[in-house]
N, C-alpha and C. Protein backbone atom coordinates (compact mmCIF):
# COMPACT_ATOMS: atom_id res chain seq x y z
N MET A 1 9.33 -27.05 0.07
CA MET A 1 8.02 -26.66 0.57
C MET A 1 7.04 -27.78 0.24
N THR A 2 6.38 -28.29 1.24
CA THR A 2 5.36 -29.32 1.05
C THR A 2 4.09 -28.87 1.75
N ILE A 3 2.98 -29.01 1.05
CA ILE A 3 1.68 -28.68 1.60
C ILE A 3 0.86 -29.97 1.63
N ARG A 4 0.43 -30.37 2.80
CA ARG A 4 -0.42 -31.55 2.94
C ARG A 4 -1.87 -31.09 2.93
N LEU A 5 -2.68 -31.75 2.15
CA LEU A 5 -4.08 -31.36 1.98
C LEU A 5 -5.00 -32.26 2.79
N LYS A 6 -4.59 -32.60 4.00
CA LYS A 6 -5.35 -33.56 4.81
C LYS A 6 -6.74 -33.08 5.16
N ASP A 7 -6.97 -31.76 5.13
CA ASP A 7 -8.32 -31.27 5.39
C ASP A 7 -9.27 -31.68 4.27
N ILE A 8 -8.72 -31.92 3.10
CA ILE A 8 -9.54 -32.27 1.94
C ILE A 8 -9.43 -33.77 1.67
N THR A 9 -8.21 -34.24 1.45
CA THR A 9 -7.95 -35.64 1.16
C THR A 9 -6.66 -36.02 1.88
N PRO A 10 -6.68 -37.00 2.77
CA PRO A 10 -5.50 -37.32 3.56
C PRO A 10 -4.29 -37.75 2.75
N ASN A 11 -4.50 -38.29 1.57
CA ASN A 11 -3.40 -38.82 0.78
C ASN A 11 -2.98 -37.87 -0.35
N ALA A 12 -3.25 -36.57 -0.19
CA ALA A 12 -2.93 -35.57 -1.20
C ALA A 12 -1.84 -34.64 -0.68
N VAL A 13 -0.82 -34.41 -1.51
CA VAL A 13 0.31 -33.56 -1.15
C VAL A 13 0.70 -32.73 -2.37
N VAL A 14 1.08 -31.48 -2.10
CA VAL A 14 1.63 -30.60 -3.13
C VAL A 14 3.00 -30.17 -2.66
N GLU A 15 3.98 -30.21 -3.55
CA GLU A 15 5.33 -29.82 -3.14
C GLU A 15 6.13 -29.26 -4.31
N LYS A 16 7.08 -28.42 -3.95
CA LYS A 16 8.05 -27.93 -4.92
C LYS A 16 9.13 -29.00 -5.04
N VAL A 17 9.54 -29.31 -6.27
CA VAL A 17 10.58 -30.32 -6.47
C VAL A 17 11.74 -29.71 -7.26
N GLU A 18 12.92 -30.20 -6.97
CA GLU A 18 14.12 -29.75 -7.69
C GLU A 18 14.74 -30.87 -8.50
N THR A 19 14.34 -32.09 -8.20
CA THR A 19 14.78 -33.26 -8.96
C THR A 19 13.60 -34.21 -9.10
N LEU A 20 13.70 -35.08 -10.09
CA LEU A 20 12.70 -36.12 -10.31
C LEU A 20 13.42 -37.43 -10.57
N GLY A 21 13.05 -38.46 -9.83
CA GLY A 21 13.57 -39.79 -10.13
C GLY A 21 12.91 -40.32 -11.39
N ASP A 22 13.41 -41.42 -11.90
CA ASP A 22 12.86 -41.99 -13.14
C ASP A 22 11.38 -42.32 -13.01
N ASP A 23 10.97 -42.91 -11.88
CA ASP A 23 9.57 -43.24 -11.68
C ASP A 23 8.71 -41.98 -11.60
N GLU A 24 9.23 -40.95 -10.92
CA GLU A 24 8.50 -39.69 -10.81
C GLU A 24 8.36 -39.03 -12.18
N LEU A 25 9.42 -39.05 -12.98
CA LEU A 25 9.36 -38.49 -14.32
C LEU A 25 8.32 -39.23 -15.16
N ASP A 26 8.28 -40.55 -15.02
CA ASP A 26 7.29 -41.35 -15.74
C ASP A 26 5.87 -40.98 -15.30
N GLU A 27 5.65 -40.80 -13.99
CA GLU A 27 4.33 -40.41 -13.49
C GLU A 27 3.92 -39.03 -14.00
N LEU A 28 4.87 -38.10 -14.00
CA LEU A 28 4.57 -36.74 -14.48
C LEU A 28 4.24 -36.76 -15.97
N CYS A 29 4.98 -37.51 -16.75
CA CYS A 29 4.69 -37.63 -18.18
C CYS A 29 3.32 -38.26 -18.41
N GLU A 30 3.00 -39.31 -17.66
CA GLU A 30 1.70 -39.98 -17.79
C GLU A 30 0.57 -39.02 -17.45
N ALA A 31 0.71 -38.27 -16.37
CA ALA A 31 -0.33 -37.30 -15.98
C ALA A 31 -0.47 -36.21 -17.04
N ALA A 32 0.65 -35.73 -17.56
CA ALA A 32 0.61 -34.70 -18.60
C ALA A 32 -0.07 -35.23 -19.86
N GLU A 33 0.27 -36.46 -20.26
CA GLU A 33 -0.36 -37.05 -21.44
C GLU A 33 -1.87 -37.12 -21.28
N LYS A 34 -2.32 -37.56 -20.12
CA LYS A 34 -3.77 -37.67 -19.89
C LYS A 34 -4.43 -36.30 -19.87
N ALA A 35 -3.77 -35.31 -19.28
CA ALA A 35 -4.32 -33.95 -19.27
C ALA A 35 -4.40 -33.38 -20.69
N ILE A 36 -3.39 -33.65 -21.49
CA ILE A 36 -3.39 -33.18 -22.89
C ILE A 36 -4.55 -33.82 -23.64
N LEU A 37 -4.73 -35.12 -23.49
CA LEU A 37 -5.83 -35.81 -24.17
C LEU A 37 -7.19 -35.30 -23.71
N ASP A 38 -7.25 -34.78 -22.47
CA ASP A 38 -8.49 -34.26 -21.92
C ASP A 38 -8.73 -32.79 -22.31
N GLY A 39 -7.81 -32.23 -23.08
CA GLY A 39 -7.98 -30.84 -23.55
C GLY A 39 -7.30 -29.79 -22.70
N ASN A 40 -6.51 -30.21 -21.71
CA ASN A 40 -5.80 -29.26 -20.85
C ASN A 40 -4.30 -29.47 -21.03
N GLY A 41 -3.82 -29.21 -22.25
CA GLY A 41 -2.46 -29.54 -22.59
C GLY A 41 -1.45 -28.44 -22.49
N PHE A 42 -1.76 -27.37 -21.76
CA PHE A 42 -0.85 -26.24 -21.60
C PHE A 42 -0.08 -25.96 -22.89
N GLY A 43 -0.82 -25.92 -23.99
CA GLY A 43 -0.25 -25.61 -25.31
C GLY A 43 -0.27 -26.78 -26.27
N TRP A 44 0.00 -27.97 -25.75
CA TRP A 44 -0.05 -29.14 -26.61
C TRP A 44 -1.50 -29.52 -26.87
N LEU A 45 -1.78 -29.94 -28.11
CA LEU A 45 -3.11 -30.43 -28.45
C LEU A 45 -3.14 -31.95 -28.50
N ASN A 46 -1.97 -32.54 -28.77
CA ASN A 46 -1.80 -33.99 -28.79
C ASN A 46 -0.54 -34.32 -28.00
N PRO A 47 -0.54 -35.41 -27.28
CA PRO A 47 0.67 -35.75 -26.53
C PRO A 47 1.86 -35.94 -27.47
N PRO A 48 2.96 -35.29 -27.17
CA PRO A 48 4.15 -35.52 -27.99
C PRO A 48 4.75 -36.89 -27.66
N PRO A 49 5.71 -37.34 -28.45
CA PRO A 49 6.38 -38.60 -28.09
C PRO A 49 6.94 -38.51 -26.67
N ARG A 50 6.97 -39.64 -25.98
CA ARG A 50 7.39 -39.65 -24.57
C ARG A 50 8.77 -39.03 -24.38
N ARG A 51 9.71 -39.27 -25.29
CA ARG A 51 11.05 -38.71 -25.13
C ARG A 51 11.02 -37.19 -25.16
N VAL A 52 10.10 -36.60 -25.93
CA VAL A 52 9.95 -35.14 -25.99
C VAL A 52 9.42 -34.63 -24.65
N LEU A 53 8.43 -35.30 -24.12
CA LEU A 53 7.86 -34.91 -22.84
C LEU A 53 8.90 -35.05 -21.72
N GLU A 54 9.65 -36.14 -21.72
CA GLU A 54 10.70 -36.32 -20.72
C GLU A 54 11.74 -35.22 -20.82
N SER A 55 12.15 -34.87 -22.03
CA SER A 55 13.12 -33.80 -22.23
C SER A 55 12.57 -32.46 -21.76
N TYR A 56 11.28 -32.23 -22.00
CA TYR A 56 10.66 -30.99 -21.56
C TYR A 56 10.78 -30.86 -20.04
N TRP A 57 10.35 -31.89 -19.30
CA TRP A 57 10.37 -31.82 -17.83
C TRP A 57 11.79 -31.74 -17.30
N ARG A 58 12.72 -32.46 -17.90
CA ARG A 58 14.12 -32.35 -17.46
C ARG A 58 14.63 -30.93 -17.68
N GLY A 59 14.24 -30.34 -18.80
CA GLY A 59 14.64 -28.96 -19.10
C GLY A 59 14.07 -27.97 -18.09
N VAL A 60 12.83 -28.18 -17.69
CA VAL A 60 12.21 -27.30 -16.68
C VAL A 60 13.06 -27.27 -15.42
N LEU A 61 13.52 -28.44 -14.99
CA LEU A 61 14.31 -28.52 -13.76
C LEU A 61 15.67 -27.85 -13.88
N LEU A 62 16.16 -27.67 -15.09
CA LEU A 62 17.46 -27.03 -15.30
C LEU A 62 17.38 -25.51 -15.36
N MET A 63 16.19 -24.98 -15.51
CA MET A 63 16.03 -23.54 -15.72
C MET A 63 15.87 -22.82 -14.38
N PRO A 64 16.81 -21.96 -14.02
CA PRO A 64 16.70 -21.27 -12.73
C PRO A 64 15.52 -20.30 -12.65
N GLN A 65 14.94 -19.93 -13.77
CA GLN A 65 13.77 -19.02 -13.75
C GLN A 65 12.47 -19.77 -13.47
N ARG A 66 12.52 -21.08 -13.39
CA ARG A 66 11.30 -21.87 -13.20
C ARG A 66 11.37 -22.69 -11.91
N ASP A 67 10.28 -22.67 -11.17
CA ASP A 67 10.11 -23.54 -10.02
C ASP A 67 8.99 -24.52 -10.36
N LEU A 68 9.26 -25.81 -10.22
CA LEU A 68 8.29 -26.84 -10.55
C LEU A 68 7.61 -27.34 -9.28
N PHE A 69 6.29 -27.32 -9.30
CA PHE A 69 5.47 -27.82 -8.20
C PHE A 69 4.69 -29.02 -8.72
N VAL A 70 4.63 -30.07 -7.92
CA VAL A 70 3.88 -31.26 -8.32
C VAL A 70 2.80 -31.55 -7.30
N ALA A 71 1.75 -32.18 -7.78
CA ALA A 71 0.66 -32.66 -6.94
C ALA A 71 0.74 -34.18 -6.92
N ARG A 72 0.65 -34.73 -5.70
CA ARG A 72 0.71 -36.19 -5.54
C ARG A 72 -0.58 -36.68 -4.89
N LEU A 73 -1.04 -37.79 -5.38
CA LEU A 73 -2.19 -38.49 -4.81
C LEU A 73 -1.75 -39.93 -4.57
N ASP A 74 -1.86 -40.38 -3.34
CA ASP A 74 -1.38 -41.71 -2.97
C ASP A 74 0.10 -41.89 -3.33
N GLY A 75 0.86 -40.81 -3.24
CA GLY A 75 2.30 -40.85 -3.50
C GLY A 75 2.71 -40.66 -4.94
N ALA A 76 1.79 -40.79 -5.88
CA ALA A 76 2.12 -40.67 -7.31
C ALA A 76 1.87 -39.24 -7.80
N ILE A 77 2.73 -38.76 -8.68
CA ILE A 77 2.56 -37.43 -9.27
C ILE A 77 1.39 -37.49 -10.24
N VAL A 78 0.42 -36.56 -10.06
CA VAL A 78 -0.79 -36.54 -10.88
C VAL A 78 -1.05 -35.17 -11.50
N GLY A 79 -0.16 -34.21 -11.26
CA GLY A 79 -0.35 -32.88 -11.83
C GLY A 79 0.82 -31.99 -11.47
N SER A 80 0.81 -30.80 -12.06
CA SER A 80 1.89 -29.86 -11.77
C SER A 80 1.54 -28.46 -12.22
N THR A 81 2.39 -27.55 -11.83
CA THR A 81 2.40 -26.19 -12.34
C THR A 81 3.80 -25.65 -12.15
N GLN A 82 4.05 -24.51 -12.77
CA GLN A 82 5.35 -23.88 -12.65
C GLN A 82 5.17 -22.41 -12.29
N MET A 83 6.12 -21.91 -11.50
CA MET A 83 6.21 -20.48 -11.27
C MET A 83 7.38 -20.00 -12.11
N LEU A 84 7.09 -19.10 -13.01
CA LEU A 84 8.09 -18.56 -13.92
C LEU A 84 8.47 -17.16 -13.45
N ARG A 85 9.75 -16.98 -13.20
CA ARG A 85 10.26 -15.68 -12.77
C ARG A 85 10.58 -14.83 -14.01
N PRO A 86 10.39 -13.52 -13.94
CA PRO A 86 10.73 -12.69 -15.09
C PRO A 86 12.24 -12.69 -15.32
N PRO A 87 12.67 -12.50 -16.56
CA PRO A 87 14.12 -12.48 -16.82
C PRO A 87 14.77 -11.26 -16.15
N PRO A 88 16.05 -11.35 -15.83
CA PRO A 88 16.72 -10.27 -15.12
C PRO A 88 16.70 -8.92 -15.86
N ASN A 89 16.58 -8.97 -17.18
CA ASN A 89 16.58 -7.72 -17.94
C ASN A 89 15.20 -7.06 -17.99
N ASN A 90 14.20 -7.64 -17.34
CA ASN A 90 12.86 -7.06 -17.33
C ASN A 90 12.57 -6.46 -15.96
N GLU A 91 13.28 -5.39 -15.64
CA GLU A 91 13.13 -4.76 -14.33
C GLU A 91 11.73 -4.20 -14.13
N ALA A 92 11.10 -3.75 -15.20
CA ALA A 92 9.77 -3.14 -15.09
C ALA A 92 8.71 -4.14 -14.64
N GLN A 93 8.92 -5.42 -14.91
CA GLN A 93 7.95 -6.43 -14.51
C GLN A 93 8.52 -7.40 -13.47
N ALA A 94 9.56 -6.97 -12.77
CA ALA A 94 10.22 -7.82 -11.78
C ALA A 94 9.33 -8.09 -10.56
N HIS A 95 8.23 -7.38 -10.44
CA HIS A 95 7.32 -7.57 -9.29
C HIS A 95 6.36 -8.74 -9.48
N ALA A 96 6.29 -9.30 -10.70
CA ALA A 96 5.26 -10.29 -11.01
C ALA A 96 5.85 -11.61 -11.50
N ALA A 97 5.41 -12.68 -10.88
CA ALA A 97 5.73 -14.03 -11.36
C ALA A 97 4.58 -14.49 -12.25
N GLN A 98 4.85 -15.53 -13.03
CA GLN A 98 3.81 -16.09 -13.89
C GLN A 98 3.57 -17.54 -13.51
N LEU A 99 2.32 -17.93 -13.46
CA LEU A 99 1.94 -19.32 -13.24
C LEU A 99 1.68 -19.92 -14.61
N THR A 100 2.30 -21.06 -14.88
CA THR A 100 2.18 -21.67 -16.20
C THR A 100 2.14 -23.19 -16.09
N THR A 101 1.73 -23.84 -17.16
CA THR A 101 1.63 -25.31 -17.27
C THR A 101 0.90 -25.93 -16.08
N PHE A 102 -0.28 -25.44 -15.81
CA PHE A 102 -1.09 -25.84 -14.66
C PHE A 102 -2.06 -26.94 -15.09
N PHE A 103 -1.93 -28.14 -14.48
CA PHE A 103 -2.85 -29.23 -14.82
C PHE A 103 -2.91 -30.27 -13.72
N ILE A 104 -4.02 -30.97 -13.69
CA ILE A 104 -4.22 -32.17 -12.87
C ILE A 104 -4.77 -33.24 -13.82
N ALA A 105 -4.22 -34.44 -13.75
CA ALA A 105 -4.73 -35.54 -14.59
C ALA A 105 -6.22 -35.75 -14.30
N PRO A 106 -6.99 -36.09 -15.31
CA PRO A 106 -8.45 -36.23 -15.13
C PRO A 106 -8.85 -37.15 -13.98
N TRP A 107 -8.18 -38.27 -13.79
CA TRP A 107 -8.57 -39.23 -12.77
C TRP A 107 -8.27 -38.74 -11.35
N ALA A 108 -7.47 -37.68 -11.21
CA ALA A 108 -7.07 -37.20 -9.88
C ALA A 108 -7.77 -35.92 -9.47
N ARG A 109 -8.73 -35.48 -10.24
CA ARG A 109 -9.42 -34.23 -9.92
C ARG A 109 -10.42 -34.46 -8.80
N GLY A 110 -10.76 -33.37 -8.10
CA GLY A 110 -11.74 -33.45 -7.03
C GLY A 110 -11.16 -33.70 -5.65
N HIS A 111 -9.83 -33.63 -5.52
CA HIS A 111 -9.18 -33.86 -4.23
C HIS A 111 -8.54 -32.60 -3.66
N GLY A 112 -8.78 -31.45 -4.29
CA GLY A 112 -8.20 -30.20 -3.80
C GLY A 112 -6.78 -29.94 -4.26
N LEU A 113 -6.27 -30.78 -5.16
CA LEU A 113 -4.89 -30.63 -5.60
C LEU A 113 -4.65 -29.36 -6.41
N ALA A 114 -5.59 -28.99 -7.24
CA ALA A 114 -5.42 -27.75 -8.03
C ALA A 114 -5.36 -26.55 -7.10
N ARG A 115 -6.25 -26.50 -6.12
CA ARG A 115 -6.21 -25.41 -5.13
C ARG A 115 -4.89 -25.44 -4.36
N GLY A 116 -4.44 -26.64 -4.05
CA GLY A 116 -3.16 -26.79 -3.36
C GLY A 116 -1.99 -26.27 -4.18
N LEU A 117 -2.00 -26.54 -5.48
CA LEU A 117 -0.94 -26.02 -6.35
C LEU A 117 -0.97 -24.49 -6.38
N LEU A 118 -2.16 -23.92 -6.50
CA LEU A 118 -2.26 -22.45 -6.48
C LEU A 118 -1.70 -21.89 -5.18
N LYS A 119 -2.08 -22.48 -4.06
CA LYS A 119 -1.61 -22.01 -2.76
C LYS A 119 -0.09 -22.12 -2.66
N ALA A 120 0.48 -23.22 -3.11
CA ALA A 120 1.93 -23.41 -3.03
C ALA A 120 2.67 -22.36 -3.86
N VAL A 121 2.18 -22.10 -5.06
CA VAL A 121 2.84 -21.10 -5.91
C VAL A 121 2.69 -19.71 -5.30
N GLU A 122 1.53 -19.41 -4.77
CA GLU A 122 1.33 -18.09 -4.14
C GLU A 122 2.28 -17.91 -2.96
N GLU A 123 2.42 -18.94 -2.12
CA GLU A 123 3.33 -18.86 -0.98
C GLU A 123 4.78 -18.69 -1.44
N ALA A 124 5.17 -19.45 -2.47
CA ALA A 124 6.54 -19.34 -2.99
C ALA A 124 6.78 -17.97 -3.61
N ALA A 125 5.79 -17.44 -4.30
CA ALA A 125 5.94 -16.12 -4.92
C ALA A 125 6.10 -15.04 -3.85
N ARG A 126 5.28 -15.10 -2.82
CA ARG A 126 5.42 -14.14 -1.71
C ARG A 126 6.81 -14.24 -1.08
N ALA A 127 7.24 -15.46 -0.81
CA ALA A 127 8.54 -15.67 -0.18
C ALA A 127 9.68 -15.16 -1.06
N ALA A 128 9.50 -15.20 -2.37
CA ALA A 128 10.52 -14.71 -3.30
C ALA A 128 10.42 -13.20 -3.53
N GLY A 129 9.44 -12.56 -2.88
CA GLY A 129 9.32 -11.11 -2.98
C GLY A 129 8.43 -10.61 -4.10
N PHE A 130 7.67 -11.50 -4.73
CA PHE A 130 6.76 -11.07 -5.79
C PHE A 130 5.46 -10.56 -5.18
N GLY A 131 4.93 -9.51 -5.75
CA GLY A 131 3.68 -8.93 -5.27
C GLY A 131 2.49 -9.28 -6.15
N GLN A 132 2.73 -10.05 -7.20
CA GLN A 132 1.66 -10.35 -8.15
C GLN A 132 1.97 -11.65 -8.88
N ILE A 133 0.91 -12.37 -9.24
CA ILE A 133 1.02 -13.55 -10.11
C ILE A 133 0.10 -13.32 -11.30
N ASP A 134 0.62 -13.59 -12.48
CA ASP A 134 -0.14 -13.49 -13.73
C ASP A 134 -0.28 -14.87 -14.34
N LEU A 135 -1.38 -15.07 -15.07
CA LEU A 135 -1.56 -16.32 -15.82
C LEU A 135 -2.53 -16.09 -16.96
N ASP A 136 -2.53 -17.00 -17.90
CA ASP A 136 -3.48 -16.93 -19.01
C ASP A 136 -4.03 -18.32 -19.28
N LEU A 137 -5.28 -18.35 -19.76
CA LEU A 137 -5.99 -19.61 -20.02
C LEU A 137 -6.84 -19.51 -21.27
N ARG A 138 -7.03 -20.64 -21.93
CA ARG A 138 -8.01 -20.68 -23.02
C ARG A 138 -9.40 -20.51 -22.44
N ALA A 139 -10.26 -19.84 -23.17
CA ALA A 139 -11.64 -19.59 -22.72
C ALA A 139 -12.44 -20.87 -22.56
N THR A 140 -12.00 -21.95 -23.16
CA THR A 140 -12.73 -23.22 -23.09
C THR A 140 -12.45 -24.01 -21.81
N LEU A 141 -11.48 -23.59 -21.02
CA LEU A 141 -11.12 -24.32 -19.80
C LEU A 141 -11.98 -23.83 -18.63
N VAL A 142 -13.25 -24.15 -18.70
CA VAL A 142 -14.26 -23.62 -17.78
C VAL A 142 -13.95 -23.94 -16.32
N ALA A 143 -13.58 -25.17 -16.01
CA ALA A 143 -13.31 -25.54 -14.62
C ALA A 143 -12.09 -24.79 -14.09
N ALA A 144 -11.06 -24.66 -14.90
CA ALA A 144 -9.87 -23.92 -14.47
C ALA A 144 -10.19 -22.44 -14.26
N ILE A 145 -10.99 -21.88 -15.13
CA ILE A 145 -11.39 -20.47 -14.99
C ILE A 145 -12.16 -20.28 -13.69
N GLN A 146 -13.09 -21.17 -13.42
CA GLN A 146 -13.88 -21.08 -12.18
C GLN A 146 -12.95 -21.18 -10.97
N LEU A 147 -12.01 -22.10 -11.00
CA LEU A 147 -11.09 -22.30 -9.89
C LEU A 147 -10.27 -21.05 -9.61
N ILE A 148 -9.67 -20.48 -10.64
CA ILE A 148 -8.79 -19.33 -10.38
C ILE A 148 -9.59 -18.08 -10.02
N GLU A 149 -10.78 -17.94 -10.57
CA GLU A 149 -11.60 -16.79 -10.18
C GLU A 149 -12.04 -16.93 -8.72
N GLN A 150 -12.37 -18.13 -8.29
CA GLN A 150 -12.71 -18.35 -6.88
C GLN A 150 -11.51 -18.12 -5.96
N ALA A 151 -10.30 -18.30 -6.50
CA ALA A 151 -9.08 -18.09 -5.72
C ALA A 151 -8.65 -16.62 -5.70
N GLY A 152 -9.45 -15.74 -6.30
CA GLY A 152 -9.16 -14.31 -6.23
C GLY A 152 -8.41 -13.72 -7.40
N TYR A 153 -8.22 -14.46 -8.46
CA TYR A 153 -7.56 -13.92 -9.65
C TYR A 153 -8.58 -13.08 -10.43
N GLN A 154 -8.13 -11.93 -10.90
CA GLN A 154 -9.00 -11.00 -11.60
C GLN A 154 -8.69 -11.03 -13.10
N ARG A 155 -9.73 -11.23 -13.90
CA ARG A 155 -9.55 -11.20 -15.36
C ARG A 155 -9.37 -9.74 -15.78
N TRP A 156 -8.30 -9.49 -16.53
CA TRP A 156 -8.04 -8.12 -16.97
C TRP A 156 -8.00 -7.98 -18.48
N GLY A 157 -8.07 -9.10 -19.18
CA GLY A 157 -8.02 -8.98 -20.62
C GLY A 157 -8.46 -10.24 -21.35
N VAL A 158 -8.83 -10.03 -22.60
CA VAL A 158 -9.22 -11.12 -23.48
C VAL A 158 -8.41 -10.97 -24.75
N LYS A 159 -7.83 -12.06 -25.22
CA LYS A 159 -7.11 -12.06 -26.49
C LYS A 159 -7.90 -12.90 -27.48
N PRO A 160 -8.51 -12.24 -28.46
CA PRO A 160 -9.18 -13.02 -29.51
C PRO A 160 -8.13 -13.86 -30.26
N ARG A 161 -8.55 -15.02 -30.74
CA ARG A 161 -7.66 -15.87 -31.52
C ARG A 161 -6.41 -16.28 -30.73
N TYR A 162 -6.58 -16.51 -29.47
CA TYR A 162 -5.50 -16.92 -28.56
C TYR A 162 -4.94 -18.28 -28.95
N ALA A 163 -5.81 -19.19 -29.37
CA ALA A 163 -5.40 -20.55 -29.74
C ALA A 163 -6.19 -21.00 -30.97
N LEU A 164 -5.60 -21.93 -31.71
CA LEU A 164 -6.26 -22.53 -32.86
C LEU A 164 -6.38 -24.02 -32.58
N ILE A 165 -7.62 -24.49 -32.40
CA ILE A 165 -7.87 -25.88 -32.05
C ILE A 165 -8.88 -26.47 -33.01
N ASP A 166 -8.48 -27.52 -33.70
CA ASP A 166 -9.35 -28.19 -34.68
C ASP A 166 -9.93 -27.19 -35.67
N GLY A 167 -9.12 -26.25 -36.12
CA GLY A 167 -9.54 -25.27 -37.12
C GLY A 167 -10.36 -24.11 -36.59
N ALA A 168 -10.62 -24.08 -35.29
CA ALA A 168 -11.42 -23.00 -34.69
C ALA A 168 -10.53 -22.15 -33.78
N HIS A 169 -10.70 -20.84 -33.90
CA HIS A 169 -9.96 -19.94 -33.02
C HIS A 169 -10.68 -19.83 -31.68
N ILE A 170 -9.90 -19.89 -30.62
CA ILE A 170 -10.41 -19.83 -29.25
C ILE A 170 -9.82 -18.59 -28.59
N ASP A 171 -10.66 -17.86 -27.86
CA ASP A 171 -10.18 -16.70 -27.12
C ASP A 171 -9.35 -17.16 -25.92
N GLY A 172 -8.55 -16.25 -25.41
CA GLY A 172 -7.78 -16.50 -24.19
C GLY A 172 -8.08 -15.43 -23.17
N PHE A 173 -8.04 -15.78 -21.91
CA PHE A 173 -8.29 -14.85 -20.81
C PHE A 173 -6.99 -14.64 -20.03
N PHE A 174 -6.76 -13.41 -19.62
CA PHE A 174 -5.57 -13.05 -18.86
C PHE A 174 -6.00 -12.63 -17.46
N TYR A 175 -5.27 -13.15 -16.47
CA TYR A 175 -5.61 -12.93 -15.06
C TYR A 175 -4.39 -12.47 -14.28
N SER A 176 -4.67 -11.76 -13.19
CA SER A 176 -3.63 -11.38 -12.21
C SER A 176 -4.21 -11.49 -10.81
N LYS A 177 -3.33 -11.74 -9.87
CA LYS A 177 -3.72 -11.70 -8.46
C LYS A 177 -2.64 -10.91 -7.72
N ILE A 178 -3.08 -9.91 -6.98
CA ILE A 178 -2.16 -9.16 -6.13
C ILE A 178 -1.98 -9.96 -4.84
N LEU A 179 -0.74 -10.18 -4.46
CA LEU A 179 -0.44 -10.97 -3.28
C LEU A 179 -0.21 -10.07 -2.08
N ALA A 180 -0.70 -10.50 -0.96
CA ALA A 180 -0.43 -9.80 0.29
C ALA A 180 1.03 -10.02 0.65
N ALA A 181 1.57 -9.12 1.41
CA ALA A 181 2.96 -9.26 1.87
C ALA A 181 3.08 -10.53 2.72
N PRO A 182 4.27 -11.14 2.74
CA PRO A 182 4.44 -12.33 3.57
C PRO A 182 4.20 -12.01 5.04
N ALA A 183 3.69 -12.98 5.76
CA ALA A 183 3.40 -12.79 7.20
C ALA A 183 4.70 -12.70 7.99
């Protein structure tokens, strides 16, 4: 699945990937490192050693419960997100996928790529038969919160002490979006 964002930026593309070449892996690691340093580290507060990051992304591609989506600007990977499927033993929550590890490198923001990633995951979730997407974010990620709320995600909960950053506890927000049936 590839989504071209030519209405926003002609050189912007979002796609689901099943493999990454060495150069693509390097681009994804570089974008992740910059996002982590910018405070959007999907859990990481400091970039881990490159070999750890490379192992993480290779592992994502091996997990059948995860679909990896990447955002490209001028052909280079500049961000990503994942759609996480519930485990087979969780029949009660089999209707909902989770969006996780959502980021765009700081230098690539403003081209509609984050919206494109959301759209791609929503389309993939519908196609896979999911009726809902859930996600959670730190309360400090103001731009991400604004983006997902504008995309129709509804905040349903707050977790105090969701994260510990520089000795301070940060709340977390939990969101869901009900998906329309596939066309």
